[in-house]
């Protein structure tokens, strides 16, 4: 009797939702703005690339990305709950902390 192996190579039922934490800069020499970026991506390299592209499109000149991780469950509190839903729908959500 054949059985399927249980390993990390199994495909996920839902897309991976990444959260990236860092600082972004709108002007040269200005103080950075604390940000969280939430998005769906197949891997962390793609997530970082797409986050940087989205930040650039929003007018940020540069960013220091400090942490990256995946979310296993939907957050309950706003604005992260809405950002998570948007990430599942293919959006890149940028949460700014001013």
PDB file of N, CA and C in Angstrom:
ATOM      1  N   UNK A   1       0.840  -1.159   0.000  1.00  0.00           N
ATOM      2  CA  UNK A   1       0.000   0.000   0.000  1.00  0.00           C
ATOM      3  C   UNK A   1       0.898   1.239   0.000  1.00  0.00           C
ATOM      4  N   UNK A   2       0.668   2.142  -0.947  1.00  0.00           N
ATOM      5  CA  UNK A   2       1.459   3.363  -1.062  1.00  0.00           C
ATOM      6  C   UNK A   2       0.830   4.469  -0.221  1.00  0.00           C
ATOM      7  N   UNK A   3       1.665   5.261   0.362  1.00  0.00           N
ATOM      8  CA  UNK A   3       1.174   6.419   1.114  1.00  0.00           C
ATOM      9  C   UNK A   3       1.984   7.642   0.703  1.00  0.00           C
ATOM     10  N   UNK A   4       1.367   8.790   0.835  1.00  0.00           N
ATOM     11  CA  UNK A   4       2.089  10.001   0.473  1.00  0.00           C
ATOM     12  C   UNK A   4       2.975  10.433   1.636  1.00  0.00           C
ATOM     13  N   UNK A   5       4.142  10.926   1.303  1.00  0.00           N
ATOM     14  CA  UNK A   5       5.080  11.381   2.324  1.00  0.00           C
ATOM     15  C   UNK A   5       4.597  12.698   2.912  1.00  0.00           C
ATOM     16  N   UNK A   6       4.776  12.842   4.206  1.00  0.00           N
ATOM     17  CA  UNK A   6       4.425  14.089   4.869  1.00  0.00           C
ATOM     18  C   UNK A   6       5.709  14.893   5.055  1.00  0.00           C
ATOM     19  N   UNK A   7       5.883  15.920   4.205  1.00  0.00           N
ATOM     20  CA  UNK A   7       7.085  16.742   4.312  1.00  0.00           C
ATOM     21  C   UNK A   7       6.764  18.186   3.987  1.00  0.00           C
ATOM     22  N   UNK A   8       7.782  19.011   4.001  1.00  0.00           N
ATOM     23  CA  UNK A   8       7.599  20.445   3.778  1.00  0.00           C
ATOM     24  C   UNK A   8       7.353  20.810   2.327  1.00  0.00           C
ATOM     25  N   UNK A   9       7.396  19.865   1.419  1.00  0.00           N
ATOM     26  CA  UNK A   9       7.211  20.158   0.000  1.00  0.00           C
ATOM     27  C   UNK A   9       5.756  20.097  -0.437  1.00  0.00           C
ATOM     28  N   UNK A  10       4.860  19.789   0.474  1.00  0.00           N
ATOM     29  CA  UNK A  10       3.439  19.763   0.131  1.00  0.00           C
ATOM     30  C   UNK A  10       2.970  21.177  -0.196  1.00  0.00           C
ATOM     31  N   UNK A  11       2.065  21.293  -1.150  1.00  0.00           N
ATOM     32  CA  UNK A  11       1.555  22.618  -1.506  1.00  0.00           C
ATOM     33  C   UNK A  11       0.546  23.057  -0.463  1.00  0.00           C
ATOM     34  N   UNK A  12       0.461  24.352  -0.265  1.00  0.00           N
ATOM     35  CA  UNK A  12      -0.465  24.909   0.712  1.00  0.00           C
ATOM     36  C   UNK A  12      -1.826  25.126   0.078  1.00  0.00           C
ATOM     37  N   UNK A  13      -2.878  25.011   0.884  1.00  0.00           N
ATOM     38  CA  UNK A  13      -4.223  25.252   0.395  1.00  0.00           C
ATOM     39  C   UNK A  13      -4.456  26.731   0.144  1.00  0.00           C
ATOM     40  N   UNK A  14      -3.856  27.588   0.963  1.00  0.00           N
ATOM     41  CA  UNK A  14      -4.014  29.026   0.828  1.00  0.00           C
ATOM     42  C   UNK A  14      -2.653  29.641   0.530  1.00  0.00           C
ATOM     43  N   UNK A  15      -2.638  30.813  -0.115  1.00  0.00           N
ATOM     44  CA  UNK A  15      -1.354  31.463  -0.376  1.00  0.00           C
ATOM     45  C   UNK A  15      -0.692  31.896   0.925  1.00  0.00           C
ATOM     46  N   UNK A  16       0.642  32.004   0.901  1.00  0.00           N
ATOM     47  CA  UNK A  16       1.361  32.487   2.073  1.00  0.00           C
ATOM     48  C   UNK A  16       1.220  34.001   2.136  1.00  0.00           C
ATOM     49  N   UNK A  17       0.855  34.497   3.308  1.00  0.00           N
ATOM     50  CA  UNK A  17       0.756  35.935   3.520  1.00  0.00           C
ATOM     51  C   UNK A  17       1.960  36.351   4.365  1.00  0.00           C
ATOM     52  N   UNK A  18       2.764  37.228   3.796  1.00  0.00           N
ATOM     53  CA  UNK A  18       3.964  37.716   4.455  1.00  0.00           C
ATOM     54  C   UNK A  18       3.678  39.056   5.122  1.00  0.00           C
ATOM     55  N   UNK A  19       4.368  39.302   6.221  1.00  0.00           N
ATOM     56  CA  UNK A  19       4.406  40.630   6.820  1.00  0.00           C
ATOM     57  C   UNK A  19       5.877  41.032   6.887  1.00  0.00           C
ATOM     58  N   UNK A  20       6.151  42.226   6.392  1.00  0.00           N
ATOM     59  CA  UNK A  20       7.510  42.756   6.382  1.00  0.00           C
ATOM     60  C   UNK A  20       7.488  44.034   7.209  1.00  0.00           C
ATOM     61  N   UNK A  21       8.418  44.130   8.151  1.00  0.00           N
ATOM     62  CA  UNK A  21       8.479  45.264   9.070  1.00  0.00           C
ATOM     63  C   UNK A  21       9.756  46.053   8.804  1.00  0.00           C
ATOM     64  N   UNK A  22       9.623  47.367   8.761  1.00  0.00           N
ATOM     65  CA  UNK A  22      10.807  48.189   8.536  1.00  0.00           C
ATOM     66  C   UNK A  22      10.511  49.666   8.619  1.00  0.00           C
ATOM     67  N   UNK A  23      11.397  50.443   8.008  1.00  0.00           N
ATOM     68  CA  UNK A  23      11.255  51.902   7.911  1.00  0.00           C
ATOM     69  C   UNK A  23      11.363  52.276   6.443  1.00  0.00           C
ATOM     70  N   UNK A  24      10.585  53.280   6.045  1.00  0.00           N
ATOM     71  CA  UNK A  24      10.640  53.783   4.678  1.00  0.00           C
ATOM     72  C   UNK A  24      10.872  55.283   4.725  1.00  0.00           C
ATOM     73  N   UNK A  25      11.527  55.780   3.689  1.00  0.00           N
ATOM     74  CA  UNK A  25      11.931  57.186   3.645  1.00  0.00           C
ATOM     75  C   UNK A  25      11.342  57.856   2.413  1.00  0.00           C
ATOM     76  N   UNK A  26      10.627  58.975   2.659  1.00  0.00           N
ATOM     77  CA  UNK A  26       9.994  59.707   1.562  1.00  0.00           C
ATOM     78  C   UNK A  26      10.918  60.755   0.950  1.00  0.00           C
ATOM     79  N   UNK A  27      11.821  61.298   1.759  1.00  0.00           N
ATOM     80  CA  UNK A  27      12.755  62.322   1.278  1.00  0.00           C
ATOM     81  C   UNK A  27      14.148  62.001   1.800  1.00  0.00           C
ATOM     82  N   UNK A  28      15.135  62.385   1.035  1.00  0.00           N
ATOM     83  CA  UNK A  28      16.518  62.188   1.443  1.00  0.00           C
ATOM     84  C   UNK A  28      16.792  63.002   2.705  1.00  0.00           C
ATOM     85  N   UNK A  29      17.362  62.371   3.711  1.00  0.00           N
ATOM     86  CA  UNK A  29      17.684  63.039   4.961  1.00  0.00           C
ATOM     87  C   UNK A  29      16.528  63.135   5.942  1.00  0.00           C
ATOM     88  N   UNK A  30      15.333  62.736   5.532  1.00  0.00           N
ATOM     89  CA  UNK A  30      14.168  62.800   6.416  1.00  0.00           C
ATOM     90  C   UNK A  30      14.155  61.589   7.354  1.00  0.00           C
ATOM     91  N   UNK A  31      13.411  61.749   8.450  1.00  0.00           N
ATOM     92  CA  UNK A  31      13.228  60.619   9.361  1.00  0.00           C
ATOM     93  C   UNK A  31      12.417  59.538   8.657  1.00  0.00           C
ATOM     94  N   UNK A  32      12.715  58.294   8.977  1.00  0.00           N
ATOM     95  CA  UNK A  32      11.971  57.182   8.405  1.00  0.00           C
ATOM     96  C   UNK A  32      10.615  57.020   9.046  1.00  0.00           C
ATOM     97  N   UNK A  33       9.710  56.433   8.301  1.00  0.00           N
ATOM     98  CA  UNK A  33       8.361  56.133   8.766  1.00  0.00           C
ATOM     99  C   UNK A  33       8.294  54.630   9.036  1.00  0.00           C
ATOM    100  N   UNK A  34       7.849  54.259  10.224  1.00  0.00           N
ATOM    101  CA  UNK A  34       7.677  52.839  10.530  1.00  0.00           C
ATOM    102  C   UNK A  34       6.566  52.282   9.650  1.00  0.00           C
ATOM    103  N   UNK A  35       6.832  51.135   9.034  1.00  0.00           N
ATOM    104  CA  UNK A  35       5.858  50.515   8.131  1.00  0.00           C
ATOM    105  C   UNK A  35       5.738  49.023   8.395  1.00  0.00           C
ATOM    106  N   UNK A  36       4.584  48.492   8.045  1.00  0.00           N
ATOM    107  CA  UNK A  36       4.353  47.059   7.902  1.00  0.00           C
ATOM    108  C   UNK A  36       3.807  46.871   6.492  1.00  0.00           C
ATOM    109  N   UNK A  37       4.340  45.921   5.766  1.00  0.00           N
ATOM    110  CA  UNK A  37       3.843  45.610   4.431  1.00  0.00           C
ATOM    111  C   UNK A  37       3.315  44.182   4.479  1.00  0.00           C
ATOM    112  N   UNK A  38       2.070  43.997   4.017  1.00  0.00           N
ATOM    113  CA  UNK A  38       1.472  42.663   3.988  1.00  0.00           C
ATOM    114  C   UNK A  38       1.111  42.320   2.553  1.00  0.00           C
ATOM    115  N   UNK A  39       1.497  41.108   2.139  1.00  0.00           N
ATOM    116  CA  UNK A  39       1.239  40.671   0.777  1.00  0.00           C
ATOM    117  C   UNK A  39       1.334  39.167   0.674  1.00  0.00           C
ATOM    118  N   UNK A  40       0.768  38.647  -0.402  1.00  0.00           N
ATOM    119  CA  UNK A  40       0.850  37.225  -0.720  1.00  0.00           C
ATOM    120  C   UNK A  40       1.970  37.016  -1.724  1.00  0.00           C
ATOM    121  N   UNK A  41       2.767  35.993  -1.512  1.00  0.00           N
ATOM    122  CA  UNK A  41       3.861  35.689  -2.432  1.00  0.00           C
ATOM    123  C   UNK A  41       4.242  34.225  -2.269  1.00  0.00           C
ATOM    124  N   UNK A  42       4.870  33.650  -3.308  1.00  0.00           N
ATOM    125  CA  UNK A  42       5.255  32.242  -3.217  1.00  0.00           C
ATOM    126  C   UNK A  42       6.477  31.996  -2.334  1.00  0.00           C
ATOM    127  N   UNK A  43       7.317  33.039  -2.119  1.00  0.00           N
ATOM    128  CA  UNK A  43       8.514  32.875  -1.298  1.00  0.00           C
ATOM    129  C   UNK A  43       8.954  34.238  -0.765  1.00  0.00           C
ATOM    130  N   UNK A  44       9.901  34.219   0.162  1.00  0.00           N
ATOM    131  CA  UNK A  44      10.306  35.474   0.794  1.00  0.00           C
ATOM    132  C   UNK A  44      11.056  36.411  -0.147  1.00  0.00           C
ATOM    133  N   UNK A  45      11.834  35.894  -1.087  1.00  0.00           N
ATOM    134  CA  UNK A  45      12.527  36.762  -2.048  1.00  0.00           C
ATOM    135  C   UNK A  45      11.528  37.547  -2.892  1.00  0.00           C
ATOM    136  N   UNK A  46      10.504  36.872  -3.367  1.00  0.00           N
ATOM    137  CA  UNK A  46       9.463  37.532  -4.157  1.00  0.00           C
ATOM    138  C   UNK A  46       8.717  38.547  -3.303  1.00  0.00           C
ATOM    139  N   UNK A  47       8.443  38.198  -2.050  1.00  0.00           N
ATOM    140  CA  UNK A  47       7.735  39.110  -1.145  1.00  0.00           C
ATOM    141  C   UNK A  47       8.524  40.400  -0.950  1.00  0.00           C
ATOM    142  N   UNK A  48       9.827  40.295  -0.731  1.00  0.00           N
ATOM    143  CA  UNK A  48      10.658  41.482  -0.532  1.00  0.00           C
ATOM    144  C   UNK A  48      10.681  42.324  -1.799  1.00  0.00           C
ATOM    145  N   UNK A  49      10.865  41.702  -2.933  1.00  0.00           N
ATOM    146  CA  UNK A  49      10.907  42.427  -4.217  1.00  0.00           C
ATOM    147  C   UNK A  49       9.587  43.163  -4.466  1.00  0.00           C
ATOM    148  N   UNK A  50       8.459  42.493  -4.258  1.00  0.00           N
ATOM    149  CA  UNK A  50       7.154  43.118  -4.477  1.00  0.00           C
ATOM    150  C   UNK A  50       6.890  44.234  -3.458  1.00  0.00           C
ATOM    151  N   UNK A  51       7.340  44.051  -2.227  1.00  0.00           N
ATOM    152  CA  UNK A  51       7.178  45.099  -1.211  1.00  0.00           C
ATOM    153  C   UNK A  51       7.969  46.344  -1.596  1.00  0.00           C
ATOM    154  N   UNK A  52       9.210  46.161  -2.027  1.00  0.00           N
ATOM    155  CA  UNK A  52      10.029  47.303  -2.434  1.00  0.00           C
ATOM    156  C   UNK A  52       9.433  48.011  -3.644  1.00  0.00           C
ATOM    157  N   UNK A  53       8.904  47.251  -4.596  1.00  0.00           N
ATOM    158  CA  UNK A  53       8.248  47.858  -5.759  1.00  0.00           C
ATOM    159  C   UNK A  53       7.031  48.684  -5.337  1.00  0.00           C
ATOM    160  N   UNK A  54       6.221  48.144  -4.424  1.00  0.00           N
ATOM    161  CA  UNK A  54       5.029  48.854  -3.963  1.00  0.00           C
ATOM    162  C   UNK A  54       5.412  50.124  -3.209  1.00  0.00           C
ATOM    163  N   UNK A  55       6.444  50.059  -2.387  1.00  0.00           N
ATOM    164  CA  UNK A  55       6.896  51.239  -1.663  1.00  0.00           C
ATOM    165  C   UNK A  55       7.391  52.309  -2.629  1.00  0.00           C
ATOM    166  N   UNK A  56       8.103  51.900  -3.651  1.00  0.00           N
ATOM    167  CA  UNK A  56       8.573  52.834  -4.677  1.00  0.00           C
ATOM    168  C   UNK A  56       7.398  53.498  -5.397  1.00  0.00           C
ATOM    169  N   UNK A  57       6.390  52.700  -5.732  1.00  0.00           N
ATOM    170  CA  UNK A  57       5.204  53.242  -6.401  1.00  0.00           C
ATOM    171  C   UNK A  57       4.453  54.238  -5.524  1.00  0.00           C
ATOM    172  N   UNK A  58       4.572  54.100  -4.205  1.00  0.00           N
ATOM    173  CA  UNK A  58       3.916  55.016  -3.269  1.00  0.00           C
ATOM    174  C   UNK A  58       4.770  56.243  -2.979  1.00  0.00           C
ATOM    175  N   UNK A  59       5.915  56.365  -3.642  1.00  0.00           N
ATOM    176  CA  UNK A  59       6.740  57.556  -3.507  1.00  0.00           C
ATOM    177  C   UNK A  59       7.874  57.476  -2.508  1.00  0.00           C
ATOM    178  N   UNK A  60       8.116  56.323  -1.935  1.00  0.00           N
ATOM    179  CA  UNK A  60       9.239  56.184  -1.009  1.00  0.00           C
ATOM    180  C   UNK A  60      10.537  56.035  -1.803  1.00  0.00           C
ATOM    181  N   UNK A  61      11.583  56.744  -1.359  1.00  0.00           N
ATOM    182  CA  UNK A  61      12.867  56.698  -2.052  1.00  0.00           C
ATOM    183  C   UNK A  61      13.677  55.465  -1.687  1.00  0.00           C
ATOM    184  N   UNK A  62      13.599  55.063  -0.423  1.00  0.00           N
ATOM    185  CA  UNK A  62      14.314  53.875   0.030  1.00  0.00           C
ATOM    186  C   UNK A  62      13.622  53.291   1.246  1.00  0.00           C
ATOM    187  N   UNK A  63      14.050  52.080   1.605  1.00  0.00           N
ATOM    188  CA  UNK A  63      13.461  51.406   2.757  1.00  0.00           C
ATOM    189  C   UNK A  63      14.496  50.515   3.422  1.00  0.00           C
ATOM    190  N   UNK A  64      14.405  50.423   4.727  1.00  0.00           N
ATOM    191  CA  UNK A  64      15.191  49.471   5.512  1.00  0.00           C
ATOM    192  C   UNK A  64      14.215  48.423   6.017  1.00  0.00           C
ATOM    193  N   UNK A  65      14.296  47.225   5.471  1.00  0.00           N
ATOM    194  CA  UNK A  65      13.397  46.149   5.874  1.00  0.00           C
ATOM    195  C   UNK A  65      14.104  45.317   6.934  1.00  0.00           C
ATOM    196  N   UNK A  66      13.516  45.265   8.130  1.00  0.00           N
ATOM    197  CA  UNK A  66      14.169  44.644   9.277  1.00  0.00           C
ATOM    198  C   UNK A  66      13.757  43.202   9.518  1.00  0.00           C
ATOM    199  N   UNK A  67      12.480  42.886   9.323  1.00  0.00           N
ATOM    200  CA  UNK A  67      11.976  41.550   9.642  1.00  0.00           C
ATOM    201  C   UNK A  67      10.990  41.109   8.579  1.00  0.00           C
ATOM    202  N   UNK A  68      10.959  39.799   8.341  1.00  0.00           N
ATOM    203  CA  UNK A  68       9.968  39.219   7.445  1.00  0.00           C
ATOM    204  C   UNK A  68       9.464  37.927   8.082  1.00  0.00           C
ATOM    205  N   UNK A  69       8.179  37.692   7.939  1.00  0.00           N
ATOM    206  CA  UNK A  69       7.597  36.465   8.470  1.00  0.00           C
ATOM    207  C   UNK A  69       6.291  36.167   7.759  1.00  0.00           C
ATOM    208  N   UNK A  70       5.729  35.016   8.049  1.00  0.00           N
ATOM    209  CA  UNK A  70       4.437  34.653   7.473  1.00  0.00           C
ATOM    210  C   UNK A  70       3.392  34.631   8.581  1.00  0.00           C
ATOM    211  N   UNK A  71       2.167  34.927   8.188  1.00  0.00           N
ATOM    212  CA  UNK A  71       1.049  34.907   9.125  1.00  0.00           C
ATOM    213  C   UNK A  71       0.283  33.607   8.939  1.00  0.00           C
ATOM    214  N   UNK A  72       0.034  32.915  10.022  1.00  0.00           N
ATOM    215  CA  UNK A  72      -0.709  31.655   9.971  1.00  0.00           C
ATOM    216  C   UNK A  72      -2.211  31.866  10.081  1.00  0.00           C
ATOM    217  N   UNK A  73      -2.607  32.930  10.755  1.00  0.00           N
ATOM    218  CA  UNK A  73      -4.023  33.230  10.971  1.00  0.00           C
ATOM    219  C   UNK A  73      -4.279  34.689  10.655  1.00  0.00           C
ATOM    220  N   UNK A  74      -5.528  34.992  10.374  1.00  0.00           N
ATOM    221  CA  UNK A  74      -5.914  36.374  10.107  1.00  0.00           C
ATOM    222  C   UNK A  74      -5.848  37.184  11.396  1.00  0.00           C
ATOM    223  N   UNK A  75      -5.229  38.364  11.343  1.00  0.00           N
ATOM    224  CA  UNK A  75      -5.222  39.233  12.518  1.00  0.00           C
ATOM    225  C   UNK A  75      -6.639  39.713  12.842  1.00  0.00           C
ATOM    226  N   UNK A  76      -6.892  39.989  14.097  1.00  0.00           N
ATOM    227  CA  UNK A  76      -8.221  40.444  14.512  1.00  0.00           C
ATOM    228  C   UNK A  76      -8.338  41.962  14.538  1.00  0.00           C
ATOM    229  N   UNK A  77      -7.231  42.650  14.790  1.00  0.00           N
ATOM    230  CA  UNK A  77      -7.263  44.101  14.967  1.00  0.00           C
ATOM    231  C   UNK A  77      -6.944  44.819  13.661  1.00  0.00           C
ATOM    232  N   UNK A  78      -7.592  45.996  13.508  1.00  0.00           N
ATOM    233  CA  UNK A  78      -7.306  46.866  12.371  1.00  0.00           C
ATOM    234  C   UNK A  78      -6.039  47.665  12.660  1.00  0.00           C
ATOM    235  N   UNK A  79      -5.281  48.055  11.691  1.00  0.00           N
ATOM    236  CA  UNK A  79      -5.514  47.939  10.252  1.00  0.00           C
ATOM    237  C   UNK A  79      -5.019  46.625   9.646  1.00  0.00           C
ATOM    238  N   UNK A  80      -4.443  45.765  10.490  1.00  0.00           N
ATOM    239  CA  UNK A  80      -3.862  44.527   9.976  1.00  0.00           C
ATOM    240  C   UNK A  80      -4.903  43.554   9.434  1.00  0.00           C
ATOM    241  N   UNK A  81      -6.104  43.541  10.010  1.00  0.00           N
ATOM    242  CA  UNK A  81      -7.151  42.631   9.527  1.00  0.00           C
ATOM    243  C   UNK A  81      -7.526  42.944   8.083  1.00  0.00           C
ATOM    244  N   UNK A  82      -7.722  44.221   7.768  1.00  0.00           N
ATOM    245  CA  UNK A  82      -8.052  44.623   6.397  1.00  0.00           C
ATOM    246  C   UNK A  82      -6.880  44.374   5.452  1.00  0.00           C
ATOM    247  N   UNK A  83      -5.672  44.635   5.937  1.00  0.00           N
ATOM    248  CA  UNK A  83      -4.482  44.416   5.110  1.00  0.00           C
ATOM    249  C   UNK A  83      -4.321  42.935   4.779  1.00  0.00           C
ATOM    250  N   UNK A  84      -4.610  42.066   5.742  1.00  0.00           N
ATOM    251  CA  UNK A  84      -4.523  40.623   5.522  1.00  0.00           C
ATOM    252  C   UNK A  84      -5.525  40.193   4.441  1.00  0.00           C
ATOM    253  N   UNK A  85      -6.749  40.703   4.557  1.00  0.00           N
ATOM    254  CA  UNK A  85      -7.774  40.375   3.559  1.00  0.00           C
ATOM    255  C   UNK A  85      -7.335  40.854   2.170  1.00  0.00           C
ATOM    256  N   UNK A  86      -6.796  42.061   2.093  1.00  0.00           N
ATOM    257  CA  UNK A  86      -6.300  42.575   0.826  1.00  0.00           C
ATOM    258  C   UNK A  86      -5.171  41.730   0.271  1.00  0.00           C
ATOM    259  N   UNK A  87      -4.276  41.275   1.137  1.00  0.00           N
ATOM    260  CA  UNK A  87      -3.166  40.419   0.697  1.00  0.00           C
ATOM    261  C   UNK A  87      -3.681  39.117   0.102  1.00  0.00           C
ATOM    262  N   UNK A  88      -4.723  38.546   0.699  1.00  0.00           N
ATOM    263  CA  UNK A  88      -5.314  37.320   0.155  1.00  0.00           C
ATOM    264  C   UNK A  88      -5.931  37.554  -1.222  1.00  0.00           C
ATOM    265  N   UNK A  89      -6.335  38.806  -1.487  1.00  0.00           N
ATOM    266  CA  UNK A  89      -6.941  39.163  -2.772  1.00  0.00           C
ATOM    267  C   UNK A  89      -5.900  39.637  -3.788  1.00  0.00           C
ATOM    268  N   UNK A  90      -4.606  39.570  -3.417  1.00  0.00           N
ATOM    269  CA  UNK A  90      -3.541  39.928  -4.338  1.00  0.00           C
ATOM    270  C   UNK A  90      -3.013  41.343  -4.222  1.00  0.00           C
ATOM    271  N   UNK A  91      -3.482  42.093  -3.250  1.00  0.00           N
ATOM    272  CA  UNK A  91      -3.009  43.460  -3.055  1.00  0.00           C
ATOM    273  C   UNK A  91      -1.741  43.467  -2.196  1.00  0.00           C
ATOM    274  N   UNK A  92      -0.982  44.548  -2.299  1.00  0.00           N
ATOM    275  CA  UNK A  92       0.139  44.793  -1.400  1.00  0.00           C
ATOM    276  C   UNK A  92      -0.297  45.922  -0.476  1.00  0.00           C
ATOM    277  N   UNK A  93      -0.453  45.622   0.806  1.00  0.00           N
ATOM    278  CA  UNK A  93      -0.932  46.599   1.770  1.00  0.00           C
ATOM    279  C   UNK A  93       0.250  47.209   2.510  1.00  0.00           C
ATOM    280  N   UNK A  94       0.305  48.544   2.526  1.00  0.00           N
ATOM    281  CA  UNK A  94       1.337  49.256   3.264  1.00  0.00           C
ATOM    282  C   UNK A  94       0.671  49.970   4.428  1.00  0.00           C
ATOM    283  N   UNK A  95       1.067  49.605   5.636  1.00  0.00           N
ATOM    284  CA  UNK A  95       0.537  50.226   6.846  1.00  0.00           C
ATOM    285  C   UNK A  95       1.617  51.180   7.354  1.00  0.00           C
ATOM    286  N   UNK A  96       1.242  52.444   7.479  1.00  0.00           N
ATOM    287  CA  UNK A  96       2.165  53.484   7.932  1.00  0.00           C
ATOM    288  C   UNK A  96       1.871  53.837   9.392  1.00  0.00           C
ATOM    289  N   UNK A  97       2.917  53.997  10.169  1.00  0.00           N
ATOM    290  CA  UNK A  97       2.789  54.433  11.558  1.00  0.00           C
ATOM    291  C   UNK A  97       3.454  55.795  11.673  1.00  0.00           C
ATOM    292  N   UNK A  98       2.650  56.839  11.714  1.00  0.00           N
ATOM    293  CA  UNK A  98       3.210  58.207  11.758  1.00  0.00           C
ATOM    294  C   UNK A  98       3.309  58.716  13.170  1.00  0.00           C
TER     295      UNK A  98
END
